[in-house]
């Protein structure tokens, strides 16, 4: 038996719900098991890539772009502002992510 087809819009809605749930689980389990939190981030990224869904900005800043580790500010990352940029430092891979600040004009 074949499964009924689901429209692309419905797939994206379902994927967004799963990604929300995975990032919430990663936040809940991070202090107990960092590897599991990193796995949840990897699964969320894989789901987003599968359905060609762009991750929201607040989720993009919750993991390292280099090593894909879940970032918890003050525990395994540092967030600073300098020169019109937000600089997020990952303590796992010792790399930086620089995000430009937008002006309010």
N, C-alpha and C. Protein backbone atom coordinates (compact mmCIF):
# COMPACT_ATOMS: atom_id res chain seq x y z
N UNK A 1 0.83 -1.19 0.00
CA UNK A 1 0.00 0.00 0.00
C UNK A 1 0.87 1.24 0.00
N UNK A 2 0.48 2.23 -0.74
CA UNK A 2 1.23 3.47 -0.79
C UNK A 2 0.64 4.50 0.16
N UNK A 3 1.52 5.34 0.66
CA UNK A 3 1.05 6.40 1.55
C UNK A 3 0.48 7.55 0.74
N UNK A 4 -0.51 8.23 1.28
CA UNK A 4 -1.05 9.38 0.54
C UNK A 4 -0.02 10.52 0.51
N UNK A 5 0.01 11.25 -0.57
CA UNK A 5 0.94 12.37 -0.73
C UNK A 5 0.53 13.54 0.17
N UNK A 6 1.54 14.20 0.72
CA UNK A 6 1.31 15.38 1.53
C UNK A 6 1.87 16.57 0.75
N UNK A 7 1.12 17.66 0.72
CA UNK A 7 1.57 18.82 -0.04
C UNK A 7 2.83 19.42 0.58
N UNK A 8 3.57 20.17 -0.22
CA UNK A 8 4.82 20.76 0.26
C UNK A 8 4.58 21.76 1.38
N UNK A 9 3.48 22.49 1.33
CA UNK A 9 3.17 23.45 2.39
C UNK A 9 2.92 22.72 3.71
N UNK A 10 2.18 21.60 3.62
CA UNK A 10 1.90 20.81 4.81
C UNK A 10 3.19 20.20 5.37
N UNK A 11 4.09 19.76 4.48
CA UNK A 11 5.37 19.21 4.91
C UNK A 11 6.18 20.26 5.66
N UNK A 12 6.15 21.50 5.17
CA UNK A 12 6.91 22.56 5.82
C UNK A 12 6.33 22.91 7.18
N UNK A 13 5.00 22.87 7.30
CA UNK A 13 4.37 23.13 8.60
C UNK A 13 4.75 22.04 9.60
N UNK A 14 4.70 20.79 9.16
CA UNK A 14 5.06 19.67 10.03
C UNK A 14 6.54 19.76 10.41
N UNK A 15 7.40 20.09 9.44
CA UNK A 15 8.83 20.21 9.70
C UNK A 15 9.10 21.33 10.70
N UNK A 16 8.40 22.45 10.57
CA UNK A 16 8.59 23.57 11.50
C UNK A 16 8.21 23.16 12.92
N UNK A 17 7.13 22.41 13.07
CA UNK A 17 6.72 21.92 14.39
C UNK A 17 7.77 20.98 14.98
N UNK A 18 8.32 20.10 14.14
CA UNK A 18 9.34 19.16 14.61
C UNK A 18 10.61 19.90 15.02
N UNK A 19 10.98 20.91 14.24
CA UNK A 19 12.18 21.68 14.55
C UNK A 19 12.00 22.43 15.87
N UNK A 20 10.82 23.03 16.07
CA UNK A 20 10.52 23.68 17.35
C UNK A 20 10.68 22.71 18.51
N UNK A 21 10.10 21.53 18.35
CA UNK A 21 10.16 20.53 19.41
C UNK A 21 11.60 20.08 19.67
N UNK A 22 12.38 19.89 18.61
CA UNK A 22 13.76 19.44 18.79
C UNK A 22 14.62 20.49 19.49
N UNK A 23 14.44 21.76 19.16
CA UNK A 23 15.22 22.79 19.84
C UNK A 23 14.79 22.95 21.30
N UNK A 24 13.52 22.76 21.60
CA UNK A 24 13.07 22.79 22.99
C UNK A 24 13.65 21.62 23.77
N UNK A 25 13.67 20.44 23.15
CA UNK A 25 14.28 19.28 23.79
C UNK A 25 15.77 19.49 24.01
N UNK A 26 16.45 20.09 23.03
CA UNK A 26 17.88 20.35 23.17
C UNK A 26 18.14 21.29 24.34
N UNK A 27 17.31 22.30 24.50
CA UNK A 27 17.47 23.23 25.62
C UNK A 27 17.23 22.54 26.95
N UNK A 28 16.24 21.64 26.99
CA UNK A 28 15.90 20.96 28.24
C UNK A 28 16.96 19.96 28.67
N UNK A 29 17.58 19.30 27.72
CA UNK A 29 18.49 18.21 28.04
C UNK A 29 19.96 18.64 28.03
N UNK A 30 20.24 19.88 27.66
CA UNK A 30 21.62 20.32 27.43
C UNK A 30 22.52 20.12 28.64
N UNK A 31 22.10 20.53 29.82
CA UNK A 31 22.97 20.46 30.99
C UNK A 31 23.24 19.02 31.42
N UNK A 32 22.32 18.10 31.12
CA UNK A 32 22.51 16.71 31.50
C UNK A 32 23.32 15.93 30.47
N UNK A 33 23.03 16.18 29.19
CA UNK A 33 23.64 15.38 28.12
C UNK A 33 23.88 16.25 26.89
N UNK A 34 25.09 16.78 26.77
CA UNK A 34 25.41 17.69 25.66
C UNK A 34 25.38 16.99 24.32
N UNK A 35 25.80 15.73 24.28
CA UNK A 35 25.81 14.99 23.02
C UNK A 35 24.40 14.81 22.46
N UNK A 36 23.45 14.57 23.35
CA UNK A 36 22.06 14.42 22.90
C UNK A 36 21.52 15.75 22.38
N UNK A 37 21.87 16.86 23.05
CA UNK A 37 21.44 18.18 22.58
C UNK A 37 22.02 18.46 21.19
N UNK A 38 23.29 18.09 20.98
CA UNK A 38 23.90 18.27 19.67
C UNK A 38 23.23 17.40 18.62
N UNK A 39 22.82 16.21 19.02
CA UNK A 39 22.11 15.31 18.09
C UNK A 39 20.75 15.90 17.69
N UNK A 40 20.05 16.52 18.65
CA UNK A 40 18.77 17.16 18.35
C UNK A 40 18.95 18.29 17.33
N UNK A 41 20.03 19.06 17.47
CA UNK A 41 20.32 20.13 16.52
C UNK A 41 20.60 19.54 15.15
N UNK A 42 21.37 18.47 15.10
CA UNK A 42 21.68 17.83 13.81
C UNK A 42 20.40 17.32 13.14
N UNK A 43 19.50 16.74 13.91
CA UNK A 43 18.24 16.26 13.35
C UNK A 43 17.38 17.42 12.84
N UNK A 44 17.35 18.52 13.60
CA UNK A 44 16.57 19.69 13.17
C UNK A 44 17.12 20.25 11.87
N UNK A 45 18.44 20.33 11.75
CA UNK A 45 19.05 20.82 10.51
C UNK A 45 18.74 19.89 9.35
N UNK A 46 18.80 18.59 9.60
CA UNK A 46 18.54 17.62 8.53
C UNK A 46 17.10 17.72 8.05
N UNK A 47 16.15 17.91 8.97
CA UNK A 47 14.75 18.06 8.60
C UNK A 47 14.56 19.32 7.76
N UNK A 48 15.20 20.42 8.18
CA UNK A 48 15.07 21.68 7.45
C UNK A 48 15.66 21.56 6.04
N UNK A 49 16.77 20.88 5.92
CA UNK A 49 17.38 20.71 4.60
C UNK A 49 16.53 19.80 3.71
N UNK A 50 15.91 18.80 4.31
CA UNK A 50 15.12 17.84 3.55
C UNK A 50 13.93 18.51 2.86
N UNK A 51 13.25 19.42 3.59
CA UNK A 51 12.07 20.08 3.02
C UNK A 51 12.37 21.49 2.50
N UNK A 52 13.67 21.84 2.45
CA UNK A 52 14.12 23.15 1.98
C UNK A 52 13.46 24.28 2.77
N UNK A 53 13.56 24.17 4.08
CA UNK A 53 12.98 25.15 5.00
C UNK A 53 14.11 25.96 5.62
N UNK A 54 14.00 27.25 5.58
CA UNK A 54 15.00 28.12 6.19
C UNK A 54 14.73 28.19 7.69
N UNK A 55 15.76 27.93 8.49
CA UNK A 55 15.59 27.99 9.94
C UNK A 55 15.39 29.44 10.38
N UNK A 56 14.51 29.66 11.35
CA UNK A 56 14.34 31.03 11.86
C UNK A 56 15.63 31.55 12.51
N UNK A 57 15.77 32.85 12.55
CA UNK A 57 16.97 33.49 13.06
C UNK A 57 17.29 33.08 14.49
N UNK A 58 16.26 32.98 15.34
CA UNK A 58 16.54 32.66 16.74
C UNK A 58 17.04 31.22 16.90
N UNK A 59 16.77 30.34 15.96
CA UNK A 59 17.33 28.99 16.00
C UNK A 59 18.72 28.94 15.38
N UNK A 60 18.95 29.74 14.36
CA UNK A 60 20.27 29.76 13.72
C UNK A 60 21.35 30.20 14.69
N UNK A 61 20.99 31.04 15.63
CA UNK A 61 21.97 31.56 16.58
C UNK A 61 22.12 30.64 17.80
N UNK A 62 21.40 29.54 17.83
CA UNK A 62 21.48 28.62 18.97
C UNK A 62 22.44 27.46 18.73
N UNK A 63 23.05 27.41 17.54
CA UNK A 63 24.05 26.37 17.30
C UNK A 63 25.23 26.97 16.54
N UNK A 64 26.37 26.33 16.68
CA UNK A 64 27.61 26.79 16.05
C UNK A 64 27.58 26.44 14.57
N UNK A 65 27.96 27.39 13.72
CA UNK A 65 27.97 27.16 12.29
C UNK A 65 29.14 26.28 11.84
N UNK A 66 30.14 26.12 12.71
CA UNK A 66 31.33 25.36 12.34
C UNK A 66 31.27 23.91 12.81
N UNK A 67 30.91 23.71 14.09
CA UNK A 67 30.88 22.34 14.62
C UNK A 67 29.45 21.85 14.89
N UNK A 68 28.46 22.68 14.68
CA UNK A 68 27.04 22.36 14.85
C UNK A 68 26.68 21.93 16.27
N UNK A 69 27.39 22.46 17.24
CA UNK A 69 27.08 22.18 18.64
C UNK A 69 25.99 23.13 19.12
N UNK A 70 25.10 22.63 19.99
CA UNK A 70 24.07 23.48 20.58
C UNK A 70 24.76 24.46 21.52
N UNK A 71 24.43 25.74 21.42
CA UNK A 71 25.09 26.77 22.22
C UNK A 71 24.18 27.27 23.33
N UNK A 72 24.72 27.27 24.53
CA UNK A 72 24.03 27.82 25.70
C UNK A 72 24.91 28.97 26.19
N UNK A 73 24.46 30.23 26.05
CA UNK A 73 25.30 31.35 26.45
C UNK A 73 25.70 31.25 27.92
N UNK A 74 26.99 31.46 28.17
CA UNK A 74 27.53 31.39 29.52
C UNK A 74 28.03 30.01 29.90
N UNK A 75 27.60 28.98 29.18
CA UNK A 75 28.04 27.61 29.48
C UNK A 75 29.08 27.16 28.47
N UNK A 76 28.72 27.18 27.19
CA UNK A 76 29.68 26.78 26.16
C UNK A 76 29.79 27.81 25.04
N UNK A 77 29.32 29.03 25.31
CA UNK A 77 29.46 30.10 24.31
C UNK A 77 29.47 31.45 25.01
N UNK A 78 29.94 32.45 24.27
CA UNK A 78 29.98 33.82 24.77
C UNK A 78 29.39 34.71 23.69
N UNK A 79 28.58 35.68 24.10
CA UNK A 79 27.97 36.62 23.16
C UNK A 79 28.42 38.02 23.54
N UNK A 80 29.01 38.71 22.57
CA UNK A 80 29.49 40.07 22.77
C UNK A 80 29.07 40.93 21.59
N UNK A 81 29.03 42.24 21.81
CA UNK A 81 28.83 43.18 20.71
C UNK A 81 30.09 44.01 20.58
N UNK A 82 30.50 44.23 19.34
CA UNK A 82 31.72 45.00 19.10
C UNK A 82 31.72 45.47 17.65
N UNK A 83 31.91 46.76 17.47
CA UNK A 83 32.05 47.31 16.13
C UNK A 83 30.83 47.08 15.25
N UNK A 84 29.64 47.17 15.80
CA UNK A 84 28.43 47.00 15.00
C UNK A 84 28.12 45.56 14.66
N UNK A 85 28.72 44.61 15.39
CA UNK A 85 28.48 43.19 15.14
C UNK A 85 28.20 42.48 16.45
N UNK A 86 27.42 41.41 16.36
CA UNK A 86 27.25 40.49 17.48
C UNK A 86 28.25 39.37 17.22
N UNK A 87 29.11 39.10 18.21
CA UNK A 87 30.12 38.06 18.06
C UNK A 87 29.78 36.93 19.02
N UNK A 88 29.54 35.76 18.46
CA UNK A 88 29.22 34.58 19.25
C UNK A 88 30.45 33.66 19.20
N UNK A 89 31.02 33.39 20.36
CA UNK A 89 32.20 32.53 20.45
C UNK A 89 31.77 31.15 20.92
N UNK A 90 32.19 30.13 20.20
CA UNK A 90 31.92 28.75 20.59
C UNK A 90 33.11 28.21 21.36
N UNK A 91 32.88 27.69 22.57
CA UNK A 91 33.97 27.13 23.36
C UNK A 91 34.30 25.69 22.96
N UNK A 92 33.43 25.07 22.17
CA UNK A 92 33.68 23.69 21.74
C UNK A 92 34.76 23.65 20.66
N UNK A 93 34.63 24.49 19.63
CA UNK A 93 35.57 24.46 18.50
C UNK A 93 36.46 25.70 18.46
N UNK A 94 36.26 26.64 19.39
CA UNK A 94 37.08 27.85 19.49
C UNK A 94 36.97 28.76 18.26
N UNK A 95 35.80 28.77 17.62
CA UNK A 95 35.60 29.64 16.46
C UNK A 95 34.56 30.69 16.78
N UNK A 96 34.44 31.69 15.89
CA UNK A 96 33.55 32.82 16.08
C UNK A 96 32.53 32.88 14.97
N UNK A 97 31.38 33.45 15.31
CA UNK A 97 30.38 33.79 14.31
C UNK A 97 30.12 35.28 14.48
N UNK A 98 30.25 36.01 13.40
CA UNK A 98 30.03 37.45 13.44
C UNK A 98 28.76 37.77 12.68
N UNK A 99 27.82 38.42 13.36
CA UNK A 99 26.53 38.75 12.77
C UNK A 99 26.37 40.25 12.81
N UNK A 100 26.21 40.92 11.66
CA UNK A 100 26.08 42.37 11.66
C UNK A 100 24.79 42.83 12.33
N UNK A 101 24.91 43.94 13.07
CA UNK A 101 23.73 44.55 13.66
C UNK A 101 23.09 45.47 12.64
N UNK A 102 21.79 45.48 12.63
CA UNK A 102 21.07 46.35 11.70
C UNK A 102 20.82 47.70 12.36
N UNK A 103 20.87 48.75 11.55
CA UNK A 103 20.54 50.07 12.08
C UNK A 103 19.02 50.24 12.05
N UNK A 104 18.50 51.05 12.95
CA UNK A 104 17.05 51.25 13.06
C UNK A 104 16.58 52.43 12.23
N UNK A 105 17.13 52.62 11.06
CA UNK A 105 16.70 53.75 10.23
C UNK A 105 15.74 53.32 9.17
